[in-house]
């Protein structure tokens, strides 16, 4: 596949000014190499939480964690700005746990609420914080749609310290009288910009109005649009702002590429890139498109699955779990469903369909380059989509290299290196080899089972012979003759059992005489007399 490449330099996006807010901009990790390494123990967290972090292999905080946690522990309102994957969950979660530890929670009255835009994100936040909540003895519950409301209400009846919720479901539960926010001391808005994009801000403001004034508020957002600024002005009091690469978005940790392809080459190019090794997320516009692309990739030998809003919550949860555990290498997702995907180790995002706007593009790109890692974002462009996608990149403030794909054959080494794409022949060869290995393993397992069954049969035959000999002796008969007769009978039965299937089928297909014919052979008069007797009895 021949390629021509040119680079486009685009001016980065404008920074949003935040008046009347104390701002502390945290430097990128590379700039902090000359300073002493900060640990979680230095941030003032409870000793048990620090030990649990160390057990989980988490010893050094990310920049936004090191900057935010001390202020949050002091009870200050926090405005956190940073790209997805910068470590925001522990930034607000650990101080919340530390401050609530040792307190008492009443039935139906949680003491902290964490609002998230999607079900998946709510579950992932709870999963990330629950191990540390267990250390300090706090109960946590996820309240979101697509799952049993009855179970959520039952948990609230028993008492929940921290609710991790989506706005709509929490509002419904409050309206049922199953929850009150009157005791909430700490409120967190995670991914506030996504809540704005999904139209959840009316529900968010309705919930925030029910939280007592004077409590701590923490808001985290990758971007700062007008609606988010309104939330900050209305609900946060003298917030301290911490930013990590906020103005640059994901440019410093991601490489962006545009592959211009012909319509007939789009599907083969998608399959070749999806065949790469490692975790990949593919974005499409529609639910139907997600299902179609996932099926095409599976037919090509790629371990792929779809994720979209048309699936049940259980199916979405299982798909995400398979993706995290490595059973599925490629996730084909729509924008809305993918907003809740926070999985480390995704090193490539492939946009098969263009993003709707620059914010959607940045959200898509945010699925990779998480937790300080690097990542690649590749966008496929048909010739007539070039201007649209170039303008999208400019609005997003990213510098994307352009590559013109001349055919659907083998990739040029440059693009193969960028995407990790492999030829379909290589993928099919690997798939066939894996299938052969699986078949060989099954044959080996069957051979072991057969060997065990043969040993067991021999043991049982010897036991049966001993018992036959004992019975013969008790009867005064010759034991050896009795055993020989029993073995001969068993051999005959085994021969019948092993009779070829063709002979058995032939015997079963042999026509049998009709029952009425047999009766006629014995004599029609008897049959008629029987009918006569039946009629006589009926007459009486």
Protein backbone atom coordinates (compact mmCIF):
# COMPACT_ATOMS: atom_id res chain seq x y z
CA UNK A 1 0.00 0.00 0.00
CA UNK A 2 1.81 3.10 -1.15
CA UNK A 3 1.64 6.22 0.97
CA UNK A 4 2.42 9.87 0.60
CA UNK A 5 2.66 11.93 3.76
CA UNK A 6 2.57 15.60 4.58
CA UNK A 7 2.47 17.34 7.93
CA UNK A 8 0.04 20.06 8.91
CA UNK A 9 0.89 22.56 11.63
CA UNK A 10 -2.18 23.80 13.46
CA UNK A 11 -2.38 26.51 16.11
CA UNK A 12 -3.38 25.08 19.48
CA UNK A 13 -6.77 25.87 21.01
CA UNK A 14 -7.27 29.03 23.03
CA UNK A 15 -7.00 28.82 26.78
CA UNK A 16 -10.12 29.59 28.80
CA UNK A 17 -9.55 32.28 31.40
CA UNK A 18 -11.04 31.67 34.85
CA UNK A 19 -11.54 35.01 36.67
CA UNK A 20 -11.58 35.17 40.46
CA UNK A 21 -10.19 31.66 40.85
CA UNK A 22 -6.92 30.76 42.54
CA UNK A 23 -5.03 28.86 39.84
CA UNK A 24 -2.13 26.48 40.31
CA UNK A 25 -0.87 24.95 37.07
CA UNK A 26 0.83 21.62 37.64
CA UNK A 27 3.73 20.90 35.35
CA UNK A 28 3.89 17.80 33.18
CA UNK A 29 5.71 14.78 34.67
CA UNK A 30 8.80 15.34 32.52
CA UNK A 31 9.41 18.77 34.04
CA UNK A 32 9.39 17.40 37.59
CA UNK A 33 12.29 15.01 37.16
CA UNK A 34 14.70 17.30 39.05
CA UNK A 35 12.47 17.63 42.15
CA UNK A 36 12.18 15.10 44.99
CA UNK A 37 9.61 12.37 44.33
CA UNK A 38 6.37 12.95 46.27
CA UNK A 39 4.65 9.92 47.79
CA UNK A 40 1.08 9.41 48.99
CA UNK A 41 2.39 9.29 52.54
CA UNK A 42 3.51 12.92 52.12
CA UNK A 43 0.00 14.07 51.19
CA UNK A 44 -1.62 13.51 54.59
CA UNK A 45 -3.75 10.47 53.78
CA UNK A 46 -4.61 7.88 56.48
CA UNK A 47 -1.89 5.32 57.05
CA UNK A 48 -4.17 2.39 56.19
CA UNK A 49 -5.05 3.92 52.83
CA UNK A 50 -1.37 4.53 52.05
CA UNK A 51 -0.59 0.88 52.88
CA UNK A 52 -3.40 -0.32 50.63
CA UNK A 53 -2.14 1.89 47.80
CA UNK A 54 1.32 0.38 48.18
CA UNK A 55 -0.13 -3.15 48.15
CA UNK A 56 -1.82 -2.27 44.85
CA UNK A 57 1.48 -1.00 43.45
CA UNK A 58 0.48 2.69 43.65
CA UNK A 59 3.23 4.61 45.42
CA UNK A 60 3.83 7.85 43.49
CA UNK A 61 0.89 10.20 42.85
CA UNK A 62 0.25 11.70 39.44
CA UNK A 63 0.67 15.49 39.22
CA UNK A 64 -3.01 16.33 39.63
CA UNK A 65 -3.20 13.99 42.64
CA UNK A 66 -0.18 15.52 44.32
CA UNK A 67 -1.61 19.00 43.73
CA UNK A 68 -5.26 18.34 44.60
CA UNK A 69 -5.25 15.95 47.56
CA UNK A 70 -3.73 18.31 50.18
CA UNK A 71 -6.23 21.08 49.37
CA UNK A 72 -9.12 18.62 49.29
CA UNK A 73 -8.12 17.26 52.71
CA UNK A 74 -8.37 20.81 54.04
CA UNK A 75 -11.99 20.97 52.85
CA UNK A 76 -11.42 23.52 50.10
CA UNK A 77 -13.58 23.60 47.00
CA UNK A 78 -11.65 22.23 44.04
CA UNK A 79 -11.79 22.94 40.32
CA UNK A 80 -9.74 20.27 38.55
CA UNK A 81 -8.90 20.56 34.88
CA UNK A 82 -7.08 17.85 33.03
CA UNK A 83 -7.40 15.35 30.25
CA UNK A 84 -9.03 11.96 30.75
CA UNK A 85 -6.67 9.46 32.35
CA UNK A 86 -4.70 12.01 34.38
CA UNK A 87 -5.67 10.38 37.70
CA UNK A 88 -8.68 12.44 38.73
CA UNK A 89 -10.56 9.58 40.45
CA UNK A 90 -8.06 9.20 43.30
CA UNK A 91 -7.69 12.99 43.43
CA UNK A 92 -11.22 13.43 44.74
CA UNK A 93 -11.89 9.89 46.00
CA UNK A 94 -9.11 9.49 48.54
CA UNK A 95 -9.72 12.85 50.32
CA UNK A 96 -13.44 12.07 50.43
CA UNK A 97 -12.77 8.72 52.12
CA UNK A 98 -10.29 10.29 54.54
CA UNK A 99 -12.69 13.02 55.65
CA UNK A 100 -15.68 10.72 56.11
CA UNK A 101 -13.78 8.00 57.98
CA UNK A 102 -15.04 7.48 61.52
CA UNK A 103 -18.34 9.28 60.99
CA UNK A 104 -21.87 7.88 61.24
CA UNK A 105 -24.35 7.68 58.37
CA UNK A 106 -28.13 7.62 58.83
CA UNK A 107 -30.50 5.50 56.76
CA UNK A 108 -31.30 6.99 53.34
CA UNK A 109 -28.95 9.93 54.02
CA UNK A 110 -25.51 9.54 52.37
CA UNK A 111 -22.70 11.85 53.44
CA UNK A 112 -21.04 12.15 50.02
CA UNK A 113 -22.28 12.06 46.43
CA UNK A 114 -20.14 11.56 43.33
CA UNK A 115 -22.00 12.35 40.09
CA UNK A 116 -20.82 10.88 36.79
CA UNK A 117 -22.26 11.17 33.26
CA UNK A 118 -22.47 7.45 32.44
CA UNK A 119 -23.21 4.12 34.08
CA UNK A 120 -19.86 2.66 33.09
CA UNK A 121 -17.93 5.55 34.62
CA UNK A 122 -19.96 5.31 37.84
CA UNK A 123 -19.11 1.62 38.14
CA UNK A 124 -15.45 2.21 37.39
CA UNK A 125 -15.19 5.02 39.95
CA UNK A 126 -16.74 2.77 42.59
CA UNK A 127 -14.46 -0.13 41.65
CA UNK A 128 -11.43 2.14 41.94
CA UNK A 129 -12.39 3.52 45.37
CA UNK A 130 -14.03 0.52 47.08
CA UNK A 131 -10.76 -1.18 48.17
CA UNK A 132 -9.75 1.98 50.03
CA UNK A 133 -13.28 2.47 51.38
CA UNK A 134 -13.07 -0.99 52.92
CA UNK A 135 -9.88 0.04 54.74
CA UNK A 136 -11.61 2.96 56.49
CA UNK A 137 -14.92 1.12 56.96
CA UNK A 138 -17.11 3.12 54.57
CA UNK A 139 -19.97 1.73 52.51
CA UNK A 140 -20.28 2.69 48.86
CA UNK A 141 -23.11 2.10 46.37
CA UNK A 142 -23.53 2.72 42.65
CA UNK A 143 -26.88 4.23 41.69
CA UNK A 144 -27.42 4.23 37.92
CA UNK A 145 -29.89 3.20 35.25
CA UNK A 146 -29.93 -0.22 33.64
CA UNK A 147 -29.60 -1.95 37.02
CA UNK A 148 -32.08 -2.92 39.73
CA UNK A 149 -33.55 0.10 41.49
CA UNK A 150 -34.85 -2.20 44.21
CA UNK A 151 -31.34 -3.26 45.20
CA UNK A 152 -30.22 0.37 45.26
CA UNK A 153 -33.14 1.41 47.47
CA UNK A 154 -32.48 -1.55 49.79
CA UNK A 155 -28.83 -0.49 50.17
CA UNK A 156 -29.88 3.06 51.02
CA UNK A 157 -32.32 1.71 53.62
CA UNK A 158 -29.39 0.00 55.35
CA UNK A 159 -27.17 3.08 55.11
CA UNK A 160 -24.65 4.15 52.46
CA UNK A 161 -21.77 6.53 53.18
CA UNK A 162 -20.89 7.43 49.56
CA UNK A 163 -23.22 7.34 46.57
CA UNK A 164 -21.66 7.12 43.10
CA UNK A 165 -24.53 8.03 40.81
CA UNK A 166 -25.75 9.17 37.45
CA UNK A 167 -27.99 12.27 37.76
CA UNK A 168 -31.17 10.79 36.28
CA UNK A 169 -31.35 7.66 38.46
CA UNK A 170 -30.44 9.57 41.63
CA UNK A 171 -33.23 12.08 40.95
CA UNK A 172 -35.73 9.22 40.44
CA UNK A 173 -34.74 7.59 43.74
CA UNK A 174 -35.03 10.88 45.60
CA UNK A 175 -38.47 11.47 44.09
CA UNK A 176 -39.51 8.04 45.46
CA UNK A 177 -38.54 9.17 48.96
CA UNK A 178 -35.77 6.57 49.18
CA UNK A 179 -32.90 9.06 49.52
CA UNK A 180 -32.22 12.51 50.95
CA UNK A 181 -29.23 14.76 50.30
CA UNK A 182 -29.65 16.78 53.49
CA UNK A 183 -26.62 15.18 55.18
CA UNK A 184 -24.27 15.42 52.19
CA UNK A 185 -20.96 16.99 53.23
CA UNK A 186 -18.95 16.40 50.02
CA UNK A 187 -20.21 16.64 46.45
CA UNK A 188 -18.12 15.69 43.43
CA UNK A 189 -18.90 16.29 39.76
CA UNK A 190 -16.70 14.06 37.62
CA UNK A 191 -16.41 14.68 33.85
CA UNK A 192 -18.65 17.73 34.12
CA UNK A 193 -18.08 18.64 30.47
CA UNK A 194 -19.47 15.28 29.39
CA UNK A 195 -22.55 15.83 31.55
CA UNK A 196 -23.02 19.11 29.74
CA UNK A 197 -22.61 17.47 26.33
CA UNK A 198 -25.18 14.79 27.22
CA UNK A 199 -27.71 17.37 28.44
CA UNK A 200 -27.62 16.38 32.11
CA UNK A 201 -26.96 19.82 33.60
CA UNK A 202 -30.64 20.49 34.51
CA UNK A 203 -30.67 17.33 36.63
CA UNK A 204 -27.25 18.22 38.07
CA UNK A 205 -28.36 21.68 39.18
CA UNK A 206 -31.57 20.23 40.63
CA UNK A 207 -29.50 17.84 42.75
CA UNK A 208 -26.94 20.45 43.79
CA UNK A 209 -29.76 22.70 45.01
CA UNK A 210 -30.74 19.94 47.46
CA UNK A 211 -27.25 19.71 48.97
CA UNK A 212 -26.77 21.87 52.10
CA UNK A 213 -24.76 25.04 51.63
CA UNK A 214 -21.35 25.11 53.25
CA UNK A 215 -20.31 21.62 52.20
CA UNK A 216 -17.27 20.86 50.09
CA UNK A 217 -17.71 20.84 46.30
CA UNK A 218 -15.23 19.40 43.81
CA UNK A 219 -15.69 19.71 40.05
CA UNK A 220 -13.49 18.01 37.46
CA UNK A 221 -13.66 18.70 33.75
CA UNK A 222 -11.39 18.33 30.74
CA UNK A 223 -12.73 21.53 29.17
CA UNK A 224 -14.30 24.67 30.57
CA UNK A 225 -17.33 25.67 28.50
CA UNK A 226 -19.76 28.46 29.41
CA UNK A 227 -22.21 26.09 31.12
CA UNK A 228 -19.45 24.59 33.26
CA UNK A 229 -18.24 28.05 34.23
CA UNK A 230 -21.81 28.83 35.32
CA UNK A 231 -21.75 25.77 37.61
CA UNK A 232 -18.43 26.89 39.07
CA UNK A 233 -19.69 30.43 39.74
CA UNK A 234 -22.95 29.21 41.29
CA UNK A 235 -21.89 26.29 43.44
CA UNK A 236 -18.15 26.52 44.21
CA UNK A 237 -16.91 28.97 46.85
CA UNK A 238 -13.40 30.40 46.32
CA UNK A 239 -12.27 27.26 44.52
CA UNK A 240 -8.64 26.34 44.07
CA UNK A 241 -7.98 25.35 40.48
CA UNK A 242 -5.46 22.68 39.53
CA UNK A 243 -4.62 22.12 35.89
CA UNK A 244 -2.61 19.38 34.21
CA UNK A 245 -1.89 20.06 30.52
CA UNK A 246 -5.34 21.66 30.33
CA UNK A 247 -4.55 24.07 27.51
CA UNK A 248 -2.70 21.55 25.38
CA UNK A 249 -5.33 18.84 25.67
CA UNK A 250 -3.82 15.50 24.68
CA UNK A 251 -1.31 16.83 22.16
CA UNK A 252 1.76 16.30 24.31
CA UNK A 253 1.12 12.59 24.85
CA UNK A 254 -0.59 11.56 21.62
CA UNK A 255 0.28 11.43 17.97
CA UNK A 256 -2.55 12.18 15.55
CA UNK A 257 -2.78 10.87 11.99
CA UNK A 258 -5.25 11.15 9.12
CA UNK A 259 -5.34 8.33 6.57
CA UNK A 260 -7.07 9.39 3.35
CA UNK A 261 -8.57 6.25 1.78
CA UNK A 262 -10.81 5.41 -1.14
CA UNK A 263 -14.32 4.12 -0.29
CA UNK A 264 -13.53 0.59 -1.52
CA UNK A 265 -10.41 0.46 0.69
CA UNK A 266 -12.02 1.66 3.91
CA UNK A 267 -13.14 -1.78 5.19
CA UNK A 268 -9.84 -3.58 4.35
CA UNK A 269 -7.81 -0.78 5.94
CA UNK A 270 -10.00 -0.92 9.06
CA UNK A 271 -9.52 -4.70 9.32
CA UNK A 272 -5.76 -4.43 8.81
CA UNK A 273 -5.40 -1.84 11.57
CA UNK A 274 -7.77 -3.70 13.90
CA UNK A 275 -5.61 -6.80 13.44
CA UNK A 276 -2.76 -5.13 15.28
CA UNK A 277 -1.57 -6.48 18.59
CA UNK A 278 -2.76 -4.62 21.68
CA UNK A 279 -5.99 -2.94 22.74
CA UNK A 280 -7.76 -0.79 20.19
CA UNK A 281 -10.98 1.24 20.26
CA UNK A 282 -12.78 1.92 16.98
CA UNK A 283 -15.34 4.73 16.84
CA UNK A 284 -18.35 4.78 14.54
CA UNK A 285 -21.42 7.02 14.34
CA UNK A 286 -24.33 4.61 14.81
CA UNK A 287 -25.30 1.53 16.79
CA UNK A 288 -25.97 -0.37 13.57
CA UNK A 289 -22.53 0.63 12.30
CA UNK A 290 -20.90 -0.64 15.49
CA UNK A 291 -22.58 -4.04 15.15
CA UNK A 292 -21.72 -4.25 11.45
CA UNK A 293 -18.05 -3.34 11.83
CA UNK A 294 -17.62 -5.69 14.80
CA UNK A 295 -19.13 -8.57 12.82
CA UNK A 296 -16.91 -7.82 9.80
CA UNK A 297 -13.84 -7.84 12.02
CA UNK A 298 -14.81 -11.12 13.66
CA UNK A 299 -15.26 -12.65 10.20
CA UNK A 300 -11.72 -11.48 9.43
CA UNK A 301 -10.36 -13.29 12.49
CA UNK A 302 -10.17 -10.27 14.83
CA UNK A 303 -11.39 -10.60 18.44
CA UNK A 304 -13.84 -7.71 18.32
CA UNK A 305 -17.09 -6.75 20.01
CA UNK A 306 -19.51 -3.82 19.84
CA UNK A 307 -20.47 -1.41 22.63
CA UNK A 308 -23.41 0.95 22.23
CA UNK A 309 -26.47 2.33 23.98
CA UNK A 310 -28.80 -0.21 22.38
CA UNK A 311 -27.32 -2.98 24.52
CA UNK A 312 -28.57 -3.90 27.98
CA UNK A 313 -26.49 -2.76 30.92
CA UNK A 314 -25.52 -6.35 31.65
CA UNK A 315 -24.29 -6.86 28.09
CA UNK A 316 -22.33 -3.61 28.17
CA UNK A 317 -20.72 -4.56 31.48
CA UNK A 318 -19.74 -8.01 30.19
CA UNK A 319 -18.30 -6.53 26.98
CA UNK A 320 -16.20 -4.04 28.93
CA UNK A 321 -15.01 -6.79 31.27
CA UNK A 322 -13.98 -8.95 28.31
CA UNK A 323 -12.11 -5.97 26.86
CA UNK A 324 -10.30 -5.26 30.13
CA UNK A 325 -9.41 -8.93 30.65
CA UNK A 326 -8.03 -9.32 27.12
CA UNK A 327 -10.64 -11.72 25.77
CA UNK A 328 -11.54 -8.99 23.27
CA UNK A 329 -8.79 -6.92 21.66
CA UNK A 330 -10.95 -4.46 19.71
CA UNK A 331 -13.96 -2.51 20.95
CA UNK A 332 -16.21 -0.93 18.30
CA UNK A 333 -18.10 1.84 20.06
CA UNK A 334 -20.37 4.81 19.57
CA UNK A 335 -19.56 8.17 21.14
CA UNK A 336 -22.16 8.05 23.92
CA UNK A 337 -21.34 4.51 25.03
CA UNK A 338 -17.60 5.13 24.94
CA UNK A 339 -17.77 8.12 27.29
CA UNK A 340 -17.72 5.67 30.18
CA UNK A 341 -14.72 3.67 28.96
CA UNK A 342 -11.78 4.26 31.28
CA UNK A 343 -9.43 1.37 30.57
CA UNK A 344 -5.66 1.66 30.84
CA UNK A 345 -3.48 0.13 28.15
CA UNK A 346 -5.41 1.36 25.09
CA UNK A 347 -2.64 2.56 22.80
CA UNK A 348 -4.62 3.23 19.61
CA UNK A 349 -7.92 4.93 18.82
CA UNK A 350 -9.25 4.50 15.27
CA UNK A 351 -11.96 6.85 14.03
CA UNK A 352 -13.71 4.97 11.23
CA UNK A 353 -16.40 7.68 11.14
CA UNK A 354 -15.46 11.31 11.84
CA UNK A 355 -16.32 12.78 15.22
CA UNK A 356 -19.31 15.12 15.34
CA UNK A 357 -17.25 18.06 16.60
CA UNK A 358 -13.88 18.83 18.16
CA UNK A 359 -15.13 18.04 21.68
CA UNK A 360 -16.23 14.57 20.60
CA UNK A 361 -12.85 14.13 18.94
CA UNK A 362 -11.01 15.00 22.14
CA UNK A 363 -13.25 12.68 24.17
CA UNK A 364 -12.52 9.88 21.73
CA UNK A 365 -8.81 10.59 21.82
CA UNK A 366 -8.93 10.62 25.62
CA UNK A 367 -9.48 6.85 25.67
CA UNK A 368 -5.75 6.43 24.93
CA UNK A 369 -2.59 7.95 26.45
CA UNK A 370 -3.99 7.46 29.96
CA UNK A 371 -2.01 7.52 33.19
CA UNK A 372 1.02 9.17 31.61
CA UNK A 373 1.35 6.74 28.72
CA UNK A 374 1.60 7.63 25.05
CA UNK A 375 -1.01 6.81 22.45
CA UNK A 376 -1.95 7.12 18.79
CA UNK A 377 -5.15 8.48 17.28
CA UNK A 378 -5.84 7.56 13.65
CA UNK A 379 -8.75 8.97 11.64
CA UNK A 380 -9.88 7.48 8.34
CA UNK A 381 -11.02 10.07 5.81
CA UNK A 382 -12.74 9.54 2.49
CA UNK A 383 -11.67 12.08 -0.14
CA UNK A 384 -14.81 14.19 0.24
CA UNK A 385 -14.38 14.30 4.06
CA UNK A 386 -10.90 15.81 4.03
CA UNK A 387 -11.86 19.45 4.61
CA UNK A 388 -14.30 18.52 7.37
CA UNK A 389 -11.70 16.45 9.22
CA UNK A 390 -8.90 19.02 8.74
CA UNK A 391 -11.18 21.69 10.22
CA UNK A 392 -12.07 19.32 13.08
CA UNK A 393 -8.38 18.89 13.91
CA UNK A 394 -7.85 22.62 13.84
CA UNK A 395 -10.75 23.23 16.22
CA UNK A 396 -9.40 20.51 18.52
CA UNK A 397 -5.98 22.16 18.55
CA UNK A 398 -4.05 19.11 17.40
CA UNK A 399 -1.30 18.67 14.84
CA UNK A 400 -2.23 15.71 12.64
CA UNK A 401 0.02 14.17 10.00
CA UNK A 402 -1.74 13.32 6.73
CA UNK A 403 -1.18 10.12 4.80
CA UNK A 404 -2.71 9.25 1.42
CA UNK A 405 -3.38 5.50 1.11
CA UNK A 406 -3.12 4.49 -2.55
CA UNK A 407 -4.40 0.91 -2.31
CA UNK A 408 -5.64 -1.86 -0.02
CA UNK A 409 -2.60 -4.11 -0.32
CA UNK A 410 0.20 -4.43 2.20
CA UNK A 411 0.82 -1.34 4.28
CA UNK A 412 3.75 0.92 3.62
CA UNK A 413 6.31 0.45 6.42
CA UNK A 414 5.74 4.02 7.67
CA UNK A 415 1.99 3.54 8.21
CA UNK A 416 2.49 0.00 9.48
CA UNK A 417 4.79 1.41 12.14
CA UNK A 418 2.29 4.15 13.04
CA UNK A 419 -0.72 1.87 13.35
CA UNK A 420 0.80 -1.55 13.98
CA UNK A 421 -1.34 -2.84 11.09
CA UNK A 422 -0.82 -6.41 9.94
CA UNK A 423 -1.75 -8.08 6.68
CA UNK A 424 -4.89 -10.22 6.67
CA UNK A 425 -2.82 -13.21 5.54
CA UNK A 426 -0.77 -12.92 8.70
CA UNK A 427 -3.90 -12.62 10.84
CA UNK A 428 -5.60 -15.59 9.18
CA UNK A 429 -2.42 -17.64 9.53
CA UNK A 430 -2.25 -16.85 13.23
CA UNK A 431 -5.97 -17.60 13.64
CA UNK A 432 -5.56 -20.98 11.89
CA UNK A 433 -2.55 -21.81 14.05
CA UNK A 434 -4.51 -20.96 17.22
CA UNK A 435 -7.41 -23.13 16.05
CA UNK A 436 -5.03 -26.02 15.36
CA UNK A 437 -3.48 -25.68 18.81
CA UNK A 438 -6.93 -25.68 20.39
CA UNK A 439 -7.89 -28.83 18.46
CA UNK A 440 -4.65 -30.53 19.52
CA UNK A 441 -5.34 -29.66 23.14
CA UNK A 442 -8.85 -31.12 22.85
CA UNK A 443 -7.45 -34.35 21.33
CA UNK A 444 -4.92 -34.63 24.16
CA UNK A 445 -7.69 -34.10 26.75
CA UNK A 446 -9.85 -36.77 25.10
CA UNK A 447 -6.92 -39.21 25.05
CA UNK A 448 -6.41 -38.67 28.79
CA UNK A 449 -10.11 -39.20 29.45
CA UNK A 450 -10.05 -42.42 27.38
CA UNK A 451 -7.03 -43.72 29.28
CA UNK A 452 -8.70 -43.01 32.62
CA UNK A 453 -11.91 -44.72 31.46
CA UNK A 454 -9.98 -47.80 30.31
CA UNK A 455 -8.19 -48.08 33.66
CA UNK A 456 -11.50 -47.75 35.47
CA UNK A 457 -13.11 -50.41 33.25
CA UNK A 458 -10.26 -52.83 33.98
CA UNK A 459 -10.58 -52.26 37.72
CA UNK A 460 -14.33 -52.82 37.62
CA UNK A 461 -13.96 -56.02 35.51
CA UNK A 462 -11.46 -57.45 38.01
CA UNK A 463 -13.79 -56.61 40.89
CA UNK A 464 -16.72 -58.23 39.05
CA UNK A 465 -14.69 -61.41 38.44
CA UNK A 466 -13.78 -61.64 42.13
CA UNK A 467 -17.42 -61.32 43.12
CA UNK A 468 -18.54 -63.93 40.54
CA UNK A 469 -15.90 -66.36 41.87
CA UNK A 470 -17.07 -65.77 45.45
CA UNK A 471 -20.70 -66.43 44.52
CA UNK A 472 -19.66 -69.66 42.71
CA UNK A 473 -17.74 -70.90 45.76
CA UNK A 474 -20.70 -70.16 48.03
CA UNK A 475 -22.89 -72.28 45.73
CA UNK A 476 -20.29 -75.07 45.54
CA UNK A 477 -19.66 -74.42 41.81
CA UNK A 478 -16.37 -74.12 39.93
CA UNK A 479 -15.18 -70.48 40.33
CA UNK A 480 -13.03 -70.54 37.23
CA UNK A 481 -15.87 -71.80 35.04
CA UNK A 482 -18.22 -69.17 36.44
CA UNK A 483 -15.71 -66.40 35.76
CA UNK A 484 -15.09 -67.68 32.23
CA UNK A 485 -18.83 -67.75 31.52
CA UNK A 486 -19.28 -64.22 32.89
CA UNK A 487 -16.39 -62.94 30.75
CA UNK A 488 -17.85 -64.61 27.64
CA UNK A 489 -21.24 -62.95 28.28
CA UNK A 490 -19.57 -59.57 28.78
CA UNK A 491 -17.62 -60.03 25.54
CA UNK A 492 -20.82 -60.75 23.61
CA UNK A 493 -22.51 -57.64 25.06
CA UNK A 494 -19.45 -55.54 24.19
CA UNK A 495 -19.51 -56.86 20.62
CA UNK A 496 -23.16 -55.84 20.27
CA UNK A 497 -22.37 -52.39 21.70
CA UNK A 498 -19.54 -51.96 19.22
CA UNK A 499 -21.63 -53.12 16.24
CA UNK A 500 -21.13 -50.73 13.32
CA UNK A 501 -23.64 -47.93 13.16
CA UNK A 502 -24.62 -48.90 9.59
CA UNK A 503 -25.73 -52.36 10.72
CA UNK A 504 -27.72 -50.94 13.63
CA UNK A 505 -29.44 -48.47 11.32
CA UNK A 506 -30.20 -51.25 8.81
CA UNK A 507 -31.82 -53.34 11.52
CA UNK A 508 -33.89 -50.40 12.76
CA UNK A 509 -35.09 -49.60 9.24
CA UNK A 510 -36.26 -53.22 8.57
CA UNK A 511 -40.09 -53.04 8.21
CA UNK A 512 -42.16 -54.76 10.85
CA UNK A 513 -45.50 -56.45 10.30
CA UNK A 514 -48.51 -54.28 11.07
CA UNK A 515 -50.33 -55.25 14.27
CA UNK A 516 -53.66 -55.58 12.53
CA UNK A 517 -52.12 -57.98 9.99
CA UNK A 518 -50.93 -60.22 12.81
CA UNK A 519 -54.37 -60.22 14.24
CA UNK A 520 -55.75 -61.12 10.83
CA UNK A 521 -53.24 -63.96 10.58
CA UNK A 522 -54.48 -65.33 13.84
CA UNK A 523 -57.97 -65.15 12.49
CA UNK A 524 -60.22 -62.37 11.44
CA UNK A 525 -63.15 -63.88 13.32
CA UNK A 526 -61.47 -63.38 16.65
CA UNK A 527 -60.90 -59.76 15.87
CA UNK A 528 -64.47 -59.35 14.78
CA UNK A 529 -65.74 -61.17 17.89
CA UNK A 530 -63.76 -58.73 20.02
CA UNK A 531 -65.45 -55.84 18.24
CA UNK A 532 -68.80 -57.56 18.67
CA UNK A 533 -68.24 -57.93 22.39
CA UNK A 534 -67.24 -54.28 22.64
CA UNK A 535 -70.45 -53.31 20.84
CA UNK A 536 -72.50 -55.53 23.13
CA UNK A 537 -71.01 -54.00 26.21
CA UNK A 538 -71.58 -50.56 24.79
CA UNK A 539 -75.19 -51.48 24.08
CA UNK A 540 -75.79 -52.37 27.67
